Amino acid sequence: MANIAYTEHYFQGSEKDLKKLKGIFEFFDKNPENRQLSNLAKELDINYDDINIRGYVEDWHCNENGGNIFLITSSAWDSCIEFFYRINEKFFNNELSISYRVEESGCGIYKVHDEGPFFPERFYLSAYYDDEIDSYDDDPIEGEYLTMGEIFYAWCGIIKKNPKEFGENLTDKKMMDIIDEYEDYKSENTYFNVYEFQEV
């Protein structure tokens, strides 16, 4: 079974181009139960033999005020960005600006291409810590973070430690190393994995 990659996309362009792109993406609303990217590729007569297109559209919408279109996909192993590049080339002469962020926890693929800016977060925390807490009264800490310090403080909250116990003025790498090397958990199932988004 393939690992699932979730990819958020933002498309920017002229009002005319975005209206045209909206018309293309409305294909997914004609049959909401079948949002496979391969179906759109066939509809648009785009060759996809040499690219990853094992993807499904989870959601999409127009941001009228922001002048962009947002679309999120789930796909096998990695993003299907090359498919959207082919749409851009065939229908828009590569005039669209495409920003995207990929998150795939199985193989630790976290990368971003931002022409917005839409994705200011630099880090992602993947975690399982059910045995470390009494209940989920607080919001889960897994997700994107602007700074490594935010992750470190959230992690310290889970293990009930004062961050100052680990030292002062810690670098990003030092905080990552502390989390990576820490072993004093209640359960061997607990894990905290920190990833820095790779710019592509």
Protein backbone atom coordinates (compact mmCIF):
# COMPACT_ATOMS: atom_id res chain seq x y z
CA MET A 1 0.00 0.00 0.00
CA ALA A 2 1.33 3.42 -0.95
CA ASN A 3 2.07 6.14 1.57
CA ILE A 4 -0.26 9.11 1.17
CA ALA A 5 1.10 12.55 0.39
CA TYR A 6 -1.11 15.55 1.07
CA THR A 7 -0.38 18.56 -1.12
CA GLU A 8 -1.82 22.05 -0.81
CA HIS A 9 -1.70 24.21 -3.95
CA TYR A 10 -2.28 27.91 -4.57
CA PHE A 11 -2.71 29.10 -8.16
CA GLN A 12 -2.27 32.78 -8.97
CA GLY A 13 -2.73 34.58 -12.26
CA SER A 14 -4.72 37.15 -14.14
CA GLU A 15 -8.45 37.40 -13.57
CA LYS A 16 -8.99 35.88 -17.01
CA ASP A 17 -6.67 32.94 -16.36
CA LEU A 18 -8.13 32.20 -12.95
CA LYS A 19 -11.63 32.20 -14.41
CA LYS A 20 -10.45 29.72 -17.02
CA LEU A 21 -8.74 27.54 -14.40
CA LYS A 22 -11.89 27.62 -12.30
CA GLY A 23 -13.78 26.28 -15.29
CA ILE A 24 -11.27 23.43 -15.59
CA PHE A 25 -11.46 22.51 -11.90
CA GLU A 26 -15.27 22.54 -11.98
CA PHE A 27 -14.83 19.14 -13.64
CA PHE A 28 -14.35 17.72 -10.14
CA ASP A 29 -17.77 18.98 -9.03
CA LYS A 30 -19.60 17.22 -11.86
CA ASN A 31 -19.03 13.91 -10.12
CA PRO A 32 -17.88 14.55 -6.53
CA GLU A 33 -17.55 10.82 -5.87
CA ASN A 34 -14.86 10.47 -8.51
CA ARG A 35 -12.21 13.15 -8.23
CA GLN A 36 -9.26 11.23 -9.64
CA LEU A 37 -6.68 13.41 -11.38
CA SER A 38 -6.35 10.84 -14.15
CA ASN A 39 -9.96 11.52 -15.15
CA LEU A 40 -9.23 15.21 -15.58
CA ALA A 41 -6.08 14.37 -17.55
CA LYS A 42 -8.17 12.32 -19.97
CA GLU A 43 -10.75 15.09 -20.20
CA LEU A 44 -8.02 17.61 -21.06
CA ASP A 45 -6.13 15.20 -23.34
CA ILE A 46 -2.94 15.49 -21.29
CA ASN A 47 -0.40 12.68 -21.52
CA TYR A 48 0.53 11.38 -18.07
CA ASP A 49 2.44 8.18 -18.84
CA ASP A 50 5.69 9.58 -17.43
CA ILE A 51 4.44 11.45 -14.33
CA ASN A 52 2.80 10.61 -11.01
CA ILE A 53 -0.95 11.09 -11.31
CA ARG A 54 -2.17 8.65 -8.68
CA GLY A 55 -3.99 11.45 -6.92
CA TYR A 56 -7.41 12.52 -5.69
CA VAL A 57 -8.77 16.02 -5.15
CA GLU A 58 -9.84 16.42 -1.53
CA ASP A 59 -11.08 19.99 -1.85
CA TRP A 60 -10.76 23.13 -3.95
CA HIS A 61 -12.19 26.63 -3.90
CA CYS A 62 -11.68 30.14 -5.24
CA ASN A 63 -10.42 32.89 -2.98
CA GLU A 64 -12.06 35.82 -4.68
CA ASN A 65 -10.55 38.47 -2.41
CA GLY A 66 -7.09 36.91 -2.46
CA GLY A 67 -6.99 36.46 -6.20
CA ASN A 68 -6.08 32.78 -6.13
CA ILE A 69 -7.46 29.26 -6.31
CA PHE A 70 -6.73 26.73 -3.57
CA LEU A 71 -6.67 22.97 -4.19
CA ILE A 72 -5.59 20.07 -1.98
CA THR A 73 -4.81 16.56 -3.18
CA SER A 74 -4.00 13.21 -1.62
CA SER A 75 -1.72 11.07 -3.75
CA ALA A 76 0.57 8.06 -3.70
CA TRP A 77 4.11 8.63 -2.37
CA ASP A 78 4.58 12.24 -3.52
CA SER A 79 2.76 15.19 -5.04
CA CYS A 80 1.27 15.30 -8.54
CA ILE A 81 2.69 18.76 -9.21
CA GLU A 82 3.98 17.81 -12.66
CA PHE A 83 0.38 17.31 -13.80
CA PHE A 84 -0.53 20.86 -12.81
CA TYR A 85 2.59 22.13 -14.56
CA ARG A 86 1.33 20.46 -17.73
CA ILE A 87 -2.04 22.16 -17.35
CA ASN A 88 -0.18 25.45 -16.94
CA GLU A 89 1.88 24.83 -20.05
CA LYS A 90 -0.96 23.64 -22.28
CA PHE A 91 -3.66 26.13 -21.35
CA PHE A 92 -1.88 29.13 -19.83
CA ASN A 93 1.50 29.36 -21.56
CA ASN A 94 3.10 28.90 -18.12
CA GLU A 95 1.66 32.22 -16.97
CA LEU A 96 0.14 30.82 -13.77
CA SER A 97 2.08 31.02 -10.53
CA ILE A 98 1.83 27.74 -8.60
CA SER A 99 2.78 27.44 -4.94
CA TYR A 100 2.56 24.10 -3.16
CA ARG A 101 3.45 22.25 0.03
CA VAL A 102 3.80 18.48 0.34
CA GLU A 103 3.47 16.48 3.56
CA GLU A 104 4.06 12.71 3.52
CA SER A 105 4.87 11.21 6.92
CA GLY A 106 5.67 7.63 5.91
CA CYS A 107 8.94 8.47 4.17
CA GLY A 108 9.38 11.87 5.78
CA ILE A 109 8.77 13.95 2.65
CA TYR A 110 8.15 17.58 3.59
CA LYS A 111 8.82 20.15 0.90
CA VAL A 112 7.53 23.52 -0.22
CA HIS A 113 7.61 25.82 -3.22
CA ASP A 114 6.15 29.17 -2.27
CA GLU A 115 5.57 32.05 -4.68
CA GLY A 116 2.95 33.67 -2.42
CA PRO A 117 3.89 33.70 0.35
CA PHE A 118 1.30 31.14 1.43
CA PHE A 119 3.38 28.79 3.55
CA PRO A 120 5.40 30.64 6.20
CA GLU A 121 5.86 27.57 8.43
CA ARG A 122 9.36 26.06 8.35
CA PHE A 123 8.87 22.90 10.40
CA TYR A 124 6.50 19.97 10.76
CA LEU A 125 6.05 17.86 13.89
CA SER A 126 4.84 14.30 13.47
CA ALA A 127 3.95 12.76 16.82
CA TYR A 128 2.21 10.00 18.74
CA TYR A 129 1.96 10.53 22.49
CA ASP A 130 -1.36 9.10 23.68
CA ASP A 131 0.33 7.27 26.55
CA GLU A 132 2.07 10.41 27.80
CA ILE A 133 -1.07 12.39 28.61
CA ASP A 134 -4.26 11.86 30.60
CA SER A 135 -6.60 13.28 27.96
CA TYR A 136 -6.68 15.43 24.86
CA ASP A 137 -7.95 18.53 26.62
CA ASP A 138 -5.54 20.63 24.59
CA ASP A 139 -5.27 20.77 20.82
CA PRO A 140 -3.02 18.08 19.32
CA ILE A 141 0.47 19.42 18.76
CA GLU A 142 1.15 17.62 15.47
CA GLY A 143 1.34 19.97 12.51
CA GLU A 144 3.19 22.92 10.98
CA TYR A 145 5.23 25.43 13.01
CA LEU A 146 6.88 28.73 12.22
CA THR A 147 9.87 28.09 14.48
CA MET A 148 11.68 25.22 16.12
CA GLY A 149 11.22 26.99 19.45
CA GLU A 150 7.45 26.60 19.18
CA ILE A 151 7.83 22.86 18.67
CA PHE A 152 10.26 22.59 21.57
CA TYR A 153 7.90 24.35 23.98
CA ALA A 154 4.97 22.20 22.85
CA TRP A 155 7.06 19.05 23.32
CA CYS A 156 8.18 20.16 26.78
CA GLY A 157 4.52 20.63 27.67
CA ILE A 158 3.75 17.02 26.77
CA ILE A 159 6.63 15.56 28.79
CA LYS A 160 5.97 18.06 31.59
CA LYS A 161 9.45 19.59 31.61
CA ASN A 162 10.55 23.18 31.93
CA PRO A 163 12.35 24.11 28.69
CA LYS A 164 15.08 25.80 30.75
CA GLU A 165 16.07 22.40 32.12
CA PHE A 166 17.66 21.71 28.74
CA GLY A 167 19.68 24.93 28.63
CA GLU A 168 19.46 28.51 27.46
CA ASN A 169 19.68 30.02 23.95
CA LEU A 170 19.36 26.65 22.23
CA THR A 171 19.88 26.52 18.47
CA ASP A 172 17.35 24.88 16.19
CA LYS A 173 19.67 21.91 15.73
CA LYS A 174 20.21 21.52 19.46
CA MET A 175 16.46 21.49 20.12
CA MET A 176 15.95 18.95 17.37
CA ASP A 177 18.73 16.78 18.80
CA ILE A 178 17.25 16.93 22.32
CA ILE A 179 13.87 15.77 21.06
CA ASP A 180 15.43 13.10 18.86
CA GLU A 181 17.64 11.70 21.63
CA TYR A 182 15.12 11.84 24.49
CA GLU A 183 14.12 8.37 25.72
CA ASP A 184 12.38 8.87 29.06
CA TYR A 185 8.84 8.33 27.80
CA LYS A 186 6.12 6.30 29.50
CA SER A 187 5.62 4.14 26.43
CA GLU A 188 7.87 2.75 23.72
CA ASN A 189 5.15 3.68 21.23
CA THR A 190 5.67 7.40 21.80
CA TYR A 191 7.51 9.31 19.12
CA PHE A 192 8.17 12.91 18.11
CA ASN A 193 9.69 13.44 14.67
CA VAL A 194 10.65 16.93 13.53
CA TYR A 195 11.04 17.75 9.85
CA GLU A 196 12.20 20.95 8.21
CA PHE A 197 10.43 21.78 4.98
CA GLN A 198 12.76 21.48 2.00
CA GLU A 199 12.49 24.35 -0.44
CA VAL A 200 12.13 23.16 -4.03
